[in-house]
Amino acid sequence: MSLFNSVPVYIAAFFLIINVLTFFAFALDKYLAKRALWRVSESALLTLAAFGGAVGATLAQRLLRHKTQKQPFKTILMFISVIQLLLITWFGFAS
């Protein structure tokens, strides 16, 4: 049985929602940055990524070209993404 067949719908829905929310938080921050307005904090963006939104954060970073050079933000986001990938892989093989 594959990992995707064994994931409950509510968990899949949570990850879909958190990743869409994270993507839009990055988009909002980019929009605000272009207009020199009050920004979404880096800690808020990284928190969304850490709570499951790493895919949305990485997609936003790439597609919107936002926070691609900012350190240590870039390194922390990469670390969060690797940890989430390892957890997904581990849970996939554990089930």
N, C-alpha and C. Protein backbone atom coordinates (compact mmCIF):
# COMPACT_ATOMS: atom_id res chain seq x y z
N MET A 1 0.85 -1.18 0.00
CA MET A 1 0.00 0.00 0.00
C MET A 1 0.89 1.24 0.00
N SER A 2 0.56 2.20 -0.82
CA SER A 2 1.39 3.40 -0.91
C SER A 2 1.05 4.38 0.20
N LEU A 3 1.97 5.31 0.42
CA LEU A 3 1.79 6.34 1.45
C LEU A 3 0.54 7.14 1.19
N PHE A 4 0.28 7.51 -0.07
CA PHE A 4 -0.85 8.38 -0.38
C PHE A 4 -2.19 7.68 -0.19
N ASN A 5 -2.22 6.37 -0.32
CA ASN A 5 -3.45 5.64 -0.08
C ASN A 5 -3.76 5.50 1.40
N SER A 6 -2.74 5.65 2.27
CA SER A 6 -2.96 5.45 3.69
C SER A 6 -3.08 6.76 4.47
N VAL A 7 -2.98 7.91 3.81
CA VAL A 7 -3.08 9.20 4.49
C VAL A 7 -4.56 9.57 4.62
N PRO A 8 -5.01 9.83 5.87
CA PRO A 8 -6.40 10.25 6.04
C PRO A 8 -6.67 11.57 5.32
N VAL A 9 -7.90 11.75 4.87
CA VAL A 9 -8.29 12.93 4.11
C VAL A 9 -8.02 14.21 4.89
N TYR A 10 -8.29 14.22 6.19
CA TYR A 10 -8.11 15.45 6.97
C TYR A 10 -6.63 15.85 7.07
N ILE A 11 -5.73 14.88 7.05
CA ILE A 11 -4.29 15.22 7.07
C ILE A 11 -3.87 15.77 5.71
N ALA A 12 -4.32 15.15 4.64
CA ALA A 12 -4.02 15.65 3.30
C ALA A 12 -4.60 17.06 3.11
N ALA A 13 -5.82 17.29 3.61
CA ALA A 13 -6.44 18.61 3.51
C ALA A 13 -5.64 19.65 4.30
N PHE A 14 -5.17 19.26 5.49
CA PHE A 14 -4.36 20.19 6.29
C PHE A 14 -3.11 20.62 5.52
N PHE A 15 -2.39 19.65 4.94
CA PHE A 15 -1.17 19.98 4.22
C PHE A 15 -1.45 20.80 2.96
N LEU A 16 -2.54 20.54 2.30
CA LEU A 16 -2.91 21.35 1.14
C LEU A 16 -3.18 22.80 1.59
N ILE A 17 -3.96 22.95 2.65
CA ILE A 17 -4.32 24.29 3.14
C ILE A 17 -3.09 25.04 3.65
N ILE A 18 -2.24 24.40 4.44
CA ILE A 18 -1.07 25.10 5.00
C ILE A 18 -0.10 25.50 3.89
N ASN A 19 0.02 24.69 2.85
CA ASN A 19 0.91 25.05 1.75
C ASN A 19 0.35 26.18 0.89
N VAL A 20 -0.94 26.18 0.65
CA VAL A 20 -1.57 27.29 -0.09
C VAL A 20 -1.46 28.58 0.74
N LEU A 21 -1.74 28.49 2.03
CA LEU A 21 -1.63 29.65 2.92
C LEU A 21 -0.20 30.19 2.95
N THR A 22 0.77 29.30 3.02
CA THR A 22 2.18 29.71 3.02
C THR A 22 2.55 30.39 1.72
N PHE A 23 2.12 29.82 0.60
CA PHE A 23 2.40 30.44 -0.70
C PHE A 23 1.84 31.86 -0.74
N PHE A 24 0.59 32.03 -0.29
CA PHE A 24 -0.02 33.36 -0.32
C PHE A 24 0.62 34.32 0.68
N ALA A 25 1.14 33.81 1.78
CA ALA A 25 1.86 34.67 2.72
C ALA A 25 3.13 35.21 2.08
N PHE A 26 3.84 34.37 1.33
CA PHE A 26 5.03 34.82 0.60
C PHE A 26 4.62 35.83 -0.47
N ALA A 27 3.52 35.57 -1.18
CA ALA A 27 3.06 36.49 -2.22
C ALA A 27 2.68 37.83 -1.61
N LEU A 28 2.01 37.80 -0.47
CA LEU A 28 1.65 39.04 0.22
C LEU A 28 2.90 39.81 0.64
N ASP A 29 3.88 39.12 1.16
CA ASP A 29 5.12 39.77 1.58
C ASP A 29 5.82 40.41 0.39
N LYS A 30 5.84 39.73 -0.73
CA LYS A 30 6.45 40.29 -1.94
C LYS A 30 5.69 41.54 -2.39
N TYR A 31 4.37 41.46 -2.37
CA TYR A 31 3.54 42.60 -2.75
C TYR A 31 3.82 43.80 -1.83
N LEU A 32 3.88 43.55 -0.54
CA LEU A 32 4.14 44.63 0.43
C LEU A 32 5.55 45.18 0.28
N ALA A 33 6.51 44.32 -0.02
CA ALA A 33 7.90 44.75 -0.19
C ALA A 33 8.03 45.69 -1.38
N LYS A 34 7.35 45.38 -2.47
CA LYS A 34 7.41 46.24 -3.66
C LYS A 34 6.85 47.63 -3.39
N ARG A 35 5.94 47.73 -2.44
CA ARG A 35 5.29 49.00 -2.14
C ARG A 35 5.86 49.67 -0.88
N ALA A 36 6.94 49.10 -0.35
CA ALA A 36 7.60 49.63 0.85
C ALA A 36 6.62 49.78 2.02
N LEU A 37 5.76 48.78 2.19
CA LEU A 37 4.78 48.78 3.28
C LEU A 37 5.22 47.81 4.37
N TRP A 38 4.47 47.80 5.46
CA TRP A 38 4.73 46.89 6.57
C TRP A 38 4.72 45.46 6.05
N ARG A 39 5.73 44.65 6.41
CA ARG A 39 5.94 43.34 5.82
C ARG A 39 5.48 42.20 6.73
N VAL A 40 5.33 41.03 6.14
CA VAL A 40 5.13 39.80 6.88
C VAL A 40 6.50 39.42 7.45
N SER A 41 6.56 39.14 8.74
CA SER A 41 7.85 38.85 9.35
C SER A 41 8.44 37.54 8.84
N GLU A 42 9.76 37.50 8.81
CA GLU A 42 10.44 36.27 8.39
C GLU A 42 10.09 35.13 9.33
N SER A 43 9.96 35.43 10.61
CA SER A 43 9.62 34.36 11.56
C SER A 43 8.23 33.79 11.27
N ALA A 44 7.29 34.62 10.84
CA ALA A 44 5.96 34.13 10.47
C ALA A 44 6.03 33.24 9.23
N LEU A 45 6.81 33.66 8.25
CA LEU A 45 6.97 32.85 7.03
C LEU A 45 7.63 31.51 7.33
N LEU A 46 8.67 31.54 8.16
CA LEU A 46 9.35 30.28 8.52
C LEU A 46 8.48 29.40 9.40
N THR A 47 7.66 30.00 10.25
CA THR A 47 6.75 29.21 11.10
C THR A 47 5.74 28.48 10.23
N LEU A 48 5.17 29.17 9.25
CA LEU A 48 4.24 28.51 8.33
C LEU A 48 4.92 27.34 7.61
N ALA A 49 6.16 27.57 7.18
CA ALA A 49 6.92 26.50 6.51
C ALA A 49 7.15 25.33 7.46
N ALA A 50 7.50 25.63 8.70
CA ALA A 50 7.81 24.58 9.67
C ALA A 50 6.59 23.75 10.05
N PHE A 51 5.42 24.36 10.01
CA PHE A 51 4.20 23.64 10.36
C PHE A 51 3.59 22.88 9.18
N GLY A 52 4.40 22.66 8.16
CA GLY A 52 3.95 21.84 7.04
C GLY A 52 3.91 22.55 5.71
N GLY A 53 4.23 23.84 5.67
CA GLY A 53 4.12 24.60 4.44
C GLY A 53 5.42 24.76 3.67
N ALA A 54 6.35 23.84 3.85
CA ALA A 54 7.65 23.97 3.18
C ALA A 54 7.53 23.91 1.66
N VAL A 55 6.63 23.10 1.16
CA VAL A 55 6.45 23.00 -0.29
C VAL A 55 5.92 24.32 -0.84
N GLY A 56 4.91 24.88 -0.18
CA GLY A 56 4.36 26.17 -0.61
C GLY A 56 5.39 27.27 -0.51
N ALA A 57 6.21 27.25 0.54
CA ALA A 57 7.26 28.26 0.71
C ALA A 57 8.30 28.16 -0.39
N THR A 58 8.72 26.94 -0.69
CA THR A 58 9.74 26.73 -1.71
C THR A 58 9.20 27.11 -3.10
N LEU A 59 7.97 26.72 -3.38
CA LEU A 59 7.37 27.11 -4.66
C LEU A 59 7.26 28.62 -4.79
N ALA A 60 6.80 29.28 -3.73
CA ALA A 60 6.68 30.74 -3.76
C ALA A 60 8.04 31.39 -3.93
N GLN A 61 9.01 30.87 -3.23
CA GLN A 61 10.37 31.42 -3.32
C GLN A 61 10.87 31.35 -4.77
N ARG A 62 10.62 30.23 -5.41
CA ARG A 62 11.10 30.04 -6.78
C ARG A 62 10.25 30.81 -7.81
N LEU A 63 8.94 30.66 -7.73
CA LEU A 63 8.06 31.26 -8.73
C LEU A 63 7.99 32.78 -8.60
N LEU A 64 8.00 33.28 -7.37
CA LEU A 64 7.89 34.72 -7.15
C LEU A 64 9.25 35.41 -7.06
N ARG A 65 10.29 34.59 -7.05
CA ARG A 65 11.66 35.11 -6.87
C ARG A 65 11.73 36.01 -5.63
N HIS A 66 11.27 35.43 -4.54
CA HIS A 66 11.20 36.19 -3.29
C HIS A 66 12.03 35.49 -2.22
N LYS A 67 12.91 36.24 -1.59
CA LYS A 67 13.78 35.76 -0.51
C LYS A 67 14.68 34.62 -0.97
N THR A 68 15.16 34.72 -2.19
CA THR A 68 16.03 33.66 -2.73
C THR A 68 17.49 33.85 -2.33
N GLN A 69 17.88 35.06 -1.94
CA GLN A 69 19.26 35.33 -1.55
C GLN A 69 19.40 35.66 -0.08
N LYS A 70 18.32 35.90 0.60
CA LYS A 70 18.33 36.36 2.00
C LYS A 70 18.85 35.25 2.92
N GLN A 71 19.95 35.54 3.61
CA GLN A 71 20.52 34.59 4.58
C GLN A 71 20.33 35.15 5.98
N PRO A 72 20.08 34.36 6.98
CA PRO A 72 20.03 32.89 6.99
C PRO A 72 18.67 32.32 6.61
N PHE A 73 17.73 33.15 6.16
CA PHE A 73 16.40 32.71 5.80
C PHE A 73 16.44 31.53 4.83
N LYS A 74 17.21 31.66 3.77
CA LYS A 74 17.30 30.63 2.73
C LYS A 74 17.79 29.30 3.31
N THR A 75 18.80 29.37 4.17
CA THR A 75 19.35 28.15 4.77
C THR A 75 18.36 27.50 5.73
N ILE A 76 17.68 28.32 6.52
CA ILE A 76 16.69 27.78 7.47
C ILE A 76 15.55 27.12 6.71
N LEU A 77 15.07 27.76 5.65
CA LEU A 77 13.99 27.17 4.85
C LEU A 77 14.44 25.86 4.21
N MET A 78 15.65 25.81 3.73
CA MET A 78 16.17 24.57 3.15
C MET A 78 16.23 23.47 4.22
N PHE A 79 16.67 23.81 5.42
CA PHE A 79 16.73 22.86 6.53
C PHE A 79 15.33 22.32 6.86
N ILE A 80 14.35 23.22 6.95
CA ILE A 80 12.96 22.81 7.23
C ILE A 80 12.47 21.87 6.13
N SER A 81 12.75 22.20 4.88
CA SER A 81 12.32 21.36 3.76
C SER A 81 12.94 19.97 3.80
N VAL A 82 14.22 19.91 4.10
CA VAL A 82 14.91 18.61 4.18
C VAL A 82 14.33 17.77 5.32
N ILE A 83 14.11 18.38 6.48
CA ILE A 83 13.53 17.66 7.62
C ILE A 83 12.15 17.11 7.25
N GLN A 84 11.32 17.94 6.60
CA GLN A 84 9.99 17.47 6.21
C GLN A 84 10.07 16.35 5.18
N LEU A 85 10.98 16.45 4.24
CA LEU A 85 11.16 15.39 3.25
C LEU A 85 11.59 14.09 3.91
N LEU A 86 12.52 14.18 4.86
CA LEU A 86 12.96 12.99 5.60
C LEU A 86 11.81 12.38 6.40
N LEU A 87 10.99 13.21 7.04
CA LEU A 87 9.85 12.71 7.81
C LEU A 87 8.83 12.02 6.91
N ILE A 88 8.55 12.63 5.77
CA ILE A 88 7.60 12.03 4.83
C ILE A 88 8.13 10.69 4.33
N THR A 89 9.41 10.65 4.02
CA THR A 89 10.03 9.41 3.56
C THR A 89 9.98 8.35 4.66
N TRP A 90 10.32 8.74 5.88
CA TRP A 90 10.33 7.81 6.99
C TRP A 90 8.92 7.26 7.26
N PHE A 91 7.93 8.15 7.29
CA PHE A 91 6.55 7.68 7.52
C PHE A 91 6.06 6.82 6.37
N GLY A 92 6.53 7.13 5.17
CA GLY A 92 6.14 6.33 4.00
C GLY A 92 6.65 4.91 4.08
N PHE A 93 7.88 4.75 4.56
CA PHE A 93 8.45 3.40 4.69
C PHE A 93 7.99 2.71 5.96
N ALA A 94 7.59 3.50 6.97
CA ALA A 94 7.15 2.91 8.24
C ALA A 94 5.75 2.33 8.12
N SER A 95 4.95 2.81 7.17
CA SER A 95 3.57 2.31 7.09
C SER A 95 3.44 1.09 6.21
